[in-house]
């Protein structure tokens, strides 16, 4: 799953990126509102974390422009402003949630995970299918109760397919959601990751629709 952090405080942006990356999420950072809007309009993010006090273009303007342009990506606002009217303005502009500074990273992570699940239409943080369970809170994967070690890229592919279960996902879509903006997006490597997942988790978990992509059909 891919996240955009729009935050102009370098230390805070780095802390958030480190936290979310350690949880298996792919993270890009924008340091001003113009960059945030450009990336939000041109890249397929699963959640945008948007600071209100951005330089060049403030967060509310960025949010309004994204929404007026048709973007439905979940947006979590970060604000150091204590006035409740600022939070109302953000929510009315199209934000899905907000966190006031200072905040605990664990809370931010939990809110990001909840937004990802909400967009995917999933109520539970734990997905199960064919004896395989995947806990999105910890990225723990188990097969018939036995813990399985996966690489970061394997977790990223599995997470995206589980969150989008019941829907056919192409190789290109997968590559867009597991690689960073300036990363080497080779969709051919997706087949390698899927084959590794099948070897570790069972051949019947991920189905291939030849020439079109992959699907995990139904999960509990």
C-alpha atoms as a PDB file:
ATOM      1  CA  UNK A   1       0.000   0.000   0.000  1.00  0.00           C
ATOM      2  CA  UNK A   2       1.332   3.423  -0.973  1.00  0.00           C
ATOM      3  CA  UNK A   3       1.243   6.575   1.156  1.00  0.00           C
ATOM      4  CA  UNK A   4       1.995  10.235   0.412  1.00  0.00           C
ATOM      5  CA  UNK A   5       3.242  12.378   3.306  1.00  0.00           C
ATOM      6  CA  UNK A   6       2.891  16.120   2.664  1.00  0.00           C
ATOM      7  CA  UNK A   7       4.882  17.666   5.510  1.00  0.00           C
ATOM      8  CA  UNK A   8       7.438  20.499   5.423  1.00  0.00           C
ATOM      9  CA  UNK A   9       9.066  19.748   8.791  1.00  0.00           C
ATOM     10  CA  UNK A  10      11.983  17.474   7.758  1.00  0.00           C
ATOM     11  CA  UNK A  11      12.383  15.715  11.106  1.00  0.00           C
ATOM     12  CA  UNK A  12       8.692  14.940  11.479  1.00  0.00           C
ATOM     13  CA  UNK A  13       8.369  13.842   7.844  1.00  0.00           C
ATOM     14  CA  UNK A  14      11.341  11.522   8.309  1.00  0.00           C
ATOM     15  CA  UNK A  15       9.905  10.071  11.516  1.00  0.00           C
ATOM     16  CA  UNK A  16       6.550   9.361   9.897  1.00  0.00           C
ATOM     17  CA  UNK A  17       8.185   7.855   6.821  1.00  0.00           C
ATOM     18  CA  UNK A  18      10.416   5.618   8.944  1.00  0.00           C
ATOM     19  CA  UNK A  19       7.467   4.425  11.021  1.00  0.00           C
ATOM     20  CA  UNK A  20       5.189   3.656   8.086  1.00  0.00           C
ATOM     21  CA  UNK A  21       7.980   2.108   6.005  1.00  0.00           C
ATOM     22  CA  UNK A  22       8.838  -0.208   8.898  1.00  0.00           C
ATOM     23  CA  UNK A  23       5.227  -1.406   8.746  1.00  0.00           C
ATOM     24  CA  UNK A  24       5.556  -2.445   5.121  1.00  0.00           C
ATOM     25  CA  UNK A  25       4.027   0.642   3.508  1.00  0.00           C
ATOM     26  CA  UNK A  26       5.558   2.398   0.500  1.00  0.00           C
ATOM     27  CA  UNK A  27       6.043   6.089   1.300  1.00  0.00           C
ATOM     28  CA  UNK A  28       6.665   9.230  -0.762  1.00  0.00           C
ATOM     29  CA  UNK A  29       7.249  12.673   0.776  1.00  0.00           C
ATOM     30  CA  UNK A  30       6.214  16.092  -0.548  1.00  0.00           C
ATOM     31  CA  UNK A  31       7.731  19.143   1.150  1.00  0.00           C
ATOM     32  CA  UNK A  32       5.304  21.810  -0.075  1.00  0.00           C
ATOM     33  CA  UNK A  33       1.723  22.150  -1.228  1.00  0.00           C
ATOM     34  CA  UNK A  34       2.505  22.426  -4.923  1.00  0.00           C
ATOM     35  CA  UNK A  35       4.427  19.157  -4.904  1.00  0.00           C
ATOM     36  CA  UNK A  36       1.764  17.489  -2.785  1.00  0.00           C
ATOM     37  CA  UNK A  37      -0.975  18.473  -5.218  1.00  0.00           C
ATOM     38  CA  UNK A  38       1.048  17.353  -8.240  1.00  0.00           C
ATOM     39  CA  UNK A  39       1.793  13.944  -6.751  1.00  0.00           C
ATOM     40  CA  UNK A  40      -1.768  13.570  -5.478  1.00  0.00           C
ATOM     41  CA  UNK A  41      -3.109  14.254  -8.970  1.00  0.00           C
ATOM     42  CA  UNK A  42      -0.671  12.068 -10.896  1.00  0.00           C
ATOM     43  CA  UNK A  43       0.174   9.125  -8.606  1.00  0.00           C
ATOM     44  CA  UNK A  44      -2.138   6.385  -7.234  1.00  0.00           C
ATOM     45  CA  UNK A  45      -1.923   6.653  -3.450  1.00  0.00           C
ATOM     46  CA  UNK A  46      -3.910   4.634  -0.945  1.00  0.00           C
ATOM     47  CA  UNK A  47      -3.768   7.385   1.713  1.00  0.00           C
ATOM     48  CA  UNK A  48      -2.481  10.974   1.758  1.00  0.00           C
ATOM     49  CA  UNK A  49      -1.221  12.455   5.031  1.00  0.00           C
ATOM     50  CA  UNK A  50      -1.583  16.202   4.570  1.00  0.00           C
ATOM     51  CA  UNK A  51      -0.229  18.952   6.816  1.00  0.00           C
ATOM     52  CA  UNK A  52      -2.383  22.088   6.810  1.00  0.00           C
ATOM     53  CA  UNK A  53       0.522  24.522   7.178  1.00  0.00           C
ATOM     54  CA  UNK A  54       2.405  23.738   3.973  1.00  0.00           C
ATOM     55  CA  UNK A  55       4.459  26.392   2.139  1.00  0.00           C
ATOM     56  CA  UNK A  56       3.630  27.586  -1.408  1.00  0.00           C
ATOM     57  CA  UNK A  57       0.105  26.134  -1.198  1.00  0.00           C
ATOM     58  CA  UNK A  58      -1.672  25.428   2.091  1.00  0.00           C
ATOM     59  CA  UNK A  59      -3.164  22.039   2.883  1.00  0.00           C
ATOM     60  CA  UNK A  60      -6.808  23.116   2.664  1.00  0.00           C
ATOM     61  CA  UNK A  61      -6.237  24.488  -0.850  1.00  0.00           C
ATOM     62  CA  UNK A  62      -4.457  21.310  -1.879  1.00  0.00           C
ATOM     63  CA  UNK A  63      -7.298  19.203  -0.511  1.00  0.00           C
ATOM     64  CA  UNK A  64     -10.003  21.259  -2.224  1.00  0.00           C
ATOM     65  CA  UNK A  65      -8.128  21.068  -5.528  1.00  0.00           C
ATOM     66  CA  UNK A  66      -7.694  17.296  -5.254  1.00  0.00           C
ATOM     67  CA  UNK A  67     -11.373  16.781  -4.488  1.00  0.00           C
ATOM     68  CA  UNK A  68     -12.552  19.135  -7.232  1.00  0.00           C
ATOM     69  CA  UNK A  69     -10.314  17.219  -9.636  1.00  0.00           C
ATOM     70  CA  UNK A  70     -12.083  13.979  -8.790  1.00  0.00           C
ATOM     71  CA  UNK A  71      -9.603  12.388  -6.381  1.00  0.00           C
ATOM     72  CA  UNK A  72     -11.227  10.110  -3.808  1.00  0.00           C
ATOM     73  CA  UNK A  73      -7.985   9.072  -2.079  1.00  0.00           C
ATOM     74  CA  UNK A  74      -8.479   9.065   1.712  1.00  0.00           C
ATOM     75  CA  UNK A  75      -6.837  12.115   3.301  1.00  0.00           C
ATOM     76  CA  UNK A  76      -5.677  12.361   6.904  1.00  0.00           C
ATOM     77  CA  UNK A  77      -4.967  15.928   7.983  1.00  0.00           C
ATOM     78  CA  UNK A  78      -2.115  16.867  10.304  1.00  0.00           C
ATOM     79  CA  UNK A  79      -2.603  20.142  12.104  1.00  0.00           C
ATOM     80  CA  UNK A  80      -0.804  22.094  14.796  1.00  0.00           C
ATOM     81  CA  UNK A  81      -3.745  24.454  14.981  1.00  0.00           C
ATOM     82  CA  UNK A  82      -5.807  24.168  18.148  1.00  0.00           C
ATOM     83  CA  UNK A  83      -8.899  25.958  16.878  1.00  0.00           C
ATOM     84  CA  UNK A  84     -11.680  23.422  16.271  1.00  0.00           C
ATOM     85  CA  UNK A  85     -12.840  25.450  13.280  1.00  0.00           C
ATOM     86  CA  UNK A  86      -9.663  24.485  11.412  1.00  0.00           C
ATOM     87  CA  UNK A  87     -10.507  20.826  11.857  1.00  0.00           C
ATOM     88  CA  UNK A  88     -14.060  21.457  10.693  1.00  0.00           C
ATOM     89  CA  UNK A  89     -12.761  23.308   7.631  1.00  0.00           C
ATOM     90  CA  UNK A  90     -10.528  20.355   6.798  1.00  0.00           C
ATOM     91  CA  UNK A  91     -13.306  17.801   7.138  1.00  0.00           C
ATOM     92  CA  UNK A  92     -15.696  19.973   5.140  1.00  0.00           C
ATOM     93  CA  UNK A  93     -13.068  20.339   2.413  1.00  0.00           C
ATOM     94  CA  UNK A  94     -13.020  16.567   1.983  1.00  0.00           C
ATOM     95  CA  UNK A  95     -10.669  15.150   4.611  1.00  0.00           C
ATOM     96  CA  UNK A  96     -11.476  11.725   6.045  1.00  0.00           C
ATOM     97  CA  UNK A  97      -9.716  12.064   9.394  1.00  0.00           C
ATOM     98  CA  UNK A  98      -7.342  14.320  11.281  1.00  0.00           C
ATOM     99  CA  UNK A  99      -4.590  14.158  13.896  1.00  0.00           C
ATOM    100  CA  UNK A 100      -3.494  17.139  15.978  1.00  0.00           C
ATOM    101  CA  UNK A 101       0.199  17.765  16.639  1.00  0.00           C
ATOM    102  CA  UNK A 102       1.865  16.529  18.752  1.00  0.00           C
ATOM    103  CA  UNK A 103       0.662  12.956  18.309  1.00  0.00           C
ATOM    104  CA  UNK A 104       1.783   9.406  18.967  1.00  0.00           C
ATOM    105  CA  UNK A 105       3.106   7.536  15.932  1.00  0.00           C
ATOM    106  CA  UNK A 106       1.135   4.439  16.951  1.00  0.00           C
ATOM    107  CA  UNK A 107      -2.107   6.405  16.712  1.00  0.00           C
ATOM    108  CA  UNK A 108      -1.159   7.825  13.314  1.00  0.00           C
ATOM    109  CA  UNK A 109      -0.326   4.336  12.032  1.00  0.00           C
ATOM    110  CA  UNK A 110      -3.611   2.948  13.304  1.00  0.00           C
ATOM    111  CA  UNK A 111      -5.580   5.739  11.639  1.00  0.00           C
ATOM    112  CA  UNK A 112      -3.753   5.166   8.332  1.00  0.00           C
ATOM    113  CA  UNK A 113      -4.531   1.443   8.468  1.00  0.00           C
ATOM    114  CA  UNK A 114      -8.178   2.206   9.228  1.00  0.00           C
ATOM    115  CA  UNK A 115      -8.413   4.538   6.228  1.00  0.00           C
ATOM    116  CA  UNK A 116      -6.872   1.890   3.977  1.00  0.00           C
ATOM    117  CA  UNK A 117      -9.397  -0.680   5.191  1.00  0.00           C
ATOM    118  CA  UNK A 118     -12.291   1.743   4.830  1.00  0.00           C
ATOM    119  CA  UNK A 119     -11.402   2.561   1.240  1.00  0.00           C
ATOM    120  CA  UNK A 120     -11.131  -1.148   0.477  1.00  0.00           C
ATOM    121  CA  UNK A 121     -14.478  -1.810   2.154  1.00  0.00           C
ATOM    122  CA  UNK A 122     -12.925  -4.138   4.733  1.00  0.00           C
ATOM    123  CA  UNK A 123     -14.107  -4.062   8.343  1.00  0.00           C
ATOM    124  CA  UNK A 124     -11.516  -6.338   9.920  1.00  0.00           C
ATOM    125  CA  UNK A 125      -7.735  -5.855  10.193  1.00  0.00           C
ATOM    126  CA  UNK A 126      -7.171  -9.605   9.799  1.00  0.00           C
ATOM    127  CA  UNK A 127      -7.822 -11.325   6.473  1.00  0.00           C
ATOM    128  CA  UNK A 128      -8.197 -15.094   6.171  1.00  0.00           C
ATOM    129  CA  UNK A 129      -8.450 -17.357   3.140  1.00  0.00           C
ATOM    130  CA  UNK A 130      -7.658 -21.039   2.561  1.00  0.00           C
ATOM    131  CA  UNK A 131      -5.915 -21.430   5.908  1.00  0.00           C
ATOM    132  CA  UNK A 132      -3.856 -18.262   5.373  1.00  0.00           C
ATOM    133  CA  UNK A 133      -4.260 -15.349   7.784  1.00  0.00           C
ATOM    134  CA  UNK A 134      -2.766 -11.900   7.289  1.00  0.00           C
ATOM    135  CA  UNK A 135      -2.818  -9.376  10.149  1.00  0.00           C
ATOM    136  CA  UNK A 136      -2.535  -5.878   8.682  1.00  0.00           C
ATOM    137  CA  UNK A 137      -1.602  -4.421  12.082  1.00  0.00           C
ATOM    138  CA  UNK A 138       1.596  -6.439  12.359  1.00  0.00           C
ATOM    139  CA  UNK A 139       2.039  -7.882   8.838  1.00  0.00           C
ATOM    140  CA  UNK A 140       2.122 -11.318  10.448  1.00  0.00           C
ATOM    141  CA  UNK A 141       1.274 -14.085   7.996  1.00  0.00           C
ATOM    142  CA  UNK A 142       0.294 -17.546   9.185  1.00  0.00           C
ATOM    143  CA  UNK A 143      -0.619 -20.756   7.368  1.00  0.00           C
ATOM    144  CA  UNK A 144      -2.681 -23.190   9.435  1.00  0.00           C
ATOM    145  CA  UNK A 145      -1.429 -21.458  12.590  1.00  0.00           C
ATOM    146  CA  UNK A 146       2.254 -21.519  11.603  1.00  0.00           C
ATOM    147  CA  UNK A 147       4.049 -18.185  11.159  1.00  0.00           C
ATOM    148  CA  UNK A 148       5.542 -17.629   7.688  1.00  0.00           C
ATOM    149  CA  UNK A 149       8.429 -15.290   6.925  1.00  0.00           C
ATOM    150  CA  UNK A 150       7.896 -13.014   3.928  1.00  0.00           C
ATOM    151  CA  UNK A 151      10.098 -10.354   2.348  1.00  0.00           C
ATOM    152  CA  UNK A 152       8.982  -6.728   2.385  1.00  0.00           C
ATOM    153  CA  UNK A 153       7.969  -6.882  -1.274  1.00  0.00           C
ATOM    154  CA  UNK A 154       6.059 -10.114  -0.781  1.00  0.00           C
ATOM    155  CA  UNK A 155       4.159  -8.530   2.114  1.00  0.00           C
ATOM    156  CA  UNK A 156       3.413  -5.477  -0.037  1.00  0.00           C
ATOM    157  CA  UNK A 157       1.957  -7.596  -2.849  1.00  0.00           C
ATOM    158  CA  UNK A 158      -0.040  -9.782  -0.460  1.00  0.00           C
ATOM    159  CA  UNK A 159      -1.405  -6.775   1.416  1.00  0.00           C
ATOM    160  CA  UNK A 160      -2.589  -5.059  -1.738  1.00  0.00           C
ATOM    161  CA  UNK A 161      -4.258  -8.207  -3.067  1.00  0.00           C
ATOM    162  CA  UNK A 162      -5.955  -8.907   0.276  1.00  0.00           C
ATOM    163  CA  UNK A 163      -7.210  -5.322   0.588  1.00  0.00           C
ATOM    164  CA  UNK A 164      -8.554  -5.587  -2.958  1.00  0.00           C
ATOM    165  CA  UNK A 165      -9.875  -9.129  -2.664  1.00  0.00           C
ATOM    166  CA  UNK A 166     -12.680  -9.946  -5.029  1.00  0.00           C
ATOM    167  CA  UNK A 167     -11.290  -7.565  -7.663  1.00  0.00           C
ATOM    168  CA  UNK A 168      -8.896  -8.356 -10.501  1.00  0.00           C
ATOM    169  CA  UNK A 169      -5.615  -6.455 -10.047  1.00  0.00           C
ATOM    170  CA  UNK A 170      -3.213  -5.998 -12.959  1.00  0.00           C
ATOM    171  CA  UNK A 171       0.572  -6.208 -12.729  1.00  0.00           C
ATOM    172  CA  UNK A 172       0.835  -2.510 -13.536  1.00  0.00           C
ATOM    173  CA  UNK A 173      -1.569  -1.574 -10.753  1.00  0.00           C
ATOM    174  CA  UNK A 174       0.372  -3.675  -8.276  1.00  0.00           C
ATOM    175  CA  UNK A 175       3.672  -2.109  -9.297  1.00  0.00           C
ATOM    176  CA  UNK A 176       2.185   1.388  -8.929  1.00  0.00           C
ATOM    177  CA  UNK A 177       1.158   0.635  -5.343  1.00  0.00           C
ATOM    178  CA  UNK A 178       4.299  -1.105  -4.053  1.00  0.00           C
ATOM    179  CA  UNK A 179       7.055   1.086  -5.520  1.00  0.00           C
ATOM    180  CA  UNK A 180       7.963   4.680  -4.663  1.00  0.00           C
ATOM    181  CA  UNK A 181       7.581   7.597  -7.077  1.00  0.00           C
ATOM    182  CA  UNK A 182      11.204   7.480  -8.181  1.00  0.00           C
ATOM    183  CA  UNK A 183      11.510   3.712  -7.822  1.00  0.00           C
ATOM    184  CA  UNK A 184      12.187   1.247 -10.626  1.00  0.00           C
ATOM    185  CA  UNK A 185       8.698  -0.002 -11.413  1.00  0.00           C
ATOM    186  CA  UNK A 186       9.260  -3.257 -13.255  1.00  0.00           C
ATOM    187  CA  UNK A 187       5.882  -4.949 -13.512  1.00  0.00           C
ATOM    188  CA  UNK A 188       7.609  -8.175 -14.591  1.00  0.00           C
ATOM    189  CA  UNK A 189       8.942  -8.636 -11.059  1.00  0.00           C
ATOM    190  CA  UNK A 190       5.349  -8.880  -9.804  1.00  0.00           C
ATOM    191  CA  UNK A 191       5.104 -12.372 -11.286  1.00  0.00           C
ATOM    192  CA  UNK A 192       8.204 -13.367  -9.321  1.00  0.00           C
ATOM    193  CA  UNK A 193       6.709 -12.122  -6.045  1.00  0.00           C
ATOM    194  CA  UNK A 194       3.403 -13.885  -6.735  1.00  0.00           C
ATOM    195  CA  UNK A 195       5.181 -17.162  -7.456  1.00  0.00           C
ATOM    196  CA  UNK A 196       7.120 -16.859  -4.205  1.00  0.00           C
ATOM    197  CA  UNK A 197       3.886 -16.229  -2.307  1.00  0.00           C
ATOM    198  CA  UNK A 198       2.318 -19.309  -3.856  1.00  0.00           C
ATOM    199  CA  UNK A 199       5.300 -21.420  -2.853  1.00  0.00           C
ATOM    200  CA  UNK A 200       5.085 -20.178   0.736  1.00  0.00           C
ATOM    201  CA  UNK A 201       1.316 -19.855   1.211  1.00  0.00           C
ATOM    202  CA  UNK A 202      -0.182 -22.415  -1.156  1.00  0.00           C
ATOM    203  CA  UNK A 203      -0.925 -22.436  -4.860  1.00  0.00           C
ATOM    204  CA  UNK A 204      -4.669 -21.834  -4.527  1.00  0.00           C
ATOM    205  CA  UNK A 205      -4.568 -18.522  -2.612  1.00  0.00           C
ATOM    206  CA  UNK A 206      -3.805 -16.168  -5.518  1.00  0.00           C
ATOM    207  CA  UNK A 207      -5.504 -16.880  -8.822  1.00  0.00           C
ATOM    208  CA  UNK A 208      -4.101 -15.756 -12.179  1.00  0.00           C
ATOM    209  CA  UNK A 209      -6.289 -14.457 -14.977  1.00  0.00           C
ATOM    210  CA  UNK A 210      -3.975 -14.893 -17.925  1.00  0.00           C
ATOM    211  CA  UNK A 211      -2.961 -11.641 -19.529  1.00  0.00           C
ATOM    212  CA  UNK A 212      -4.999  -9.575 -17.080  1.00  0.00           C
ATOM    213  CA  UNK A 213      -3.669  -9.968 -13.531  1.00  0.00           C
ATOM    214  CA  UNK A 214      -4.306 -11.578 -10.164  1.00  0.00           C
ATOM    215  CA  UNK A 215      -7.128 -11.970  -7.697  1.00  0.00           C
ATOM    216  CA  UNK A 216      -7.811 -13.307  -4.212  1.00  0.00           C
ATOM    217  CA  UNK A 217     -11.492 -14.024  -4.717  1.00  0.00           C
ATOM    218  CA  UNK A 218     -13.196 -14.019  -1.323  1.00  0.00           C
ATOM    219  CA  UNK A 219     -11.769 -13.499   2.161  1.00  0.00           C
ATOM    220  CA  UNK A 220     -13.298 -13.695   5.623  1.00  0.00           C
END
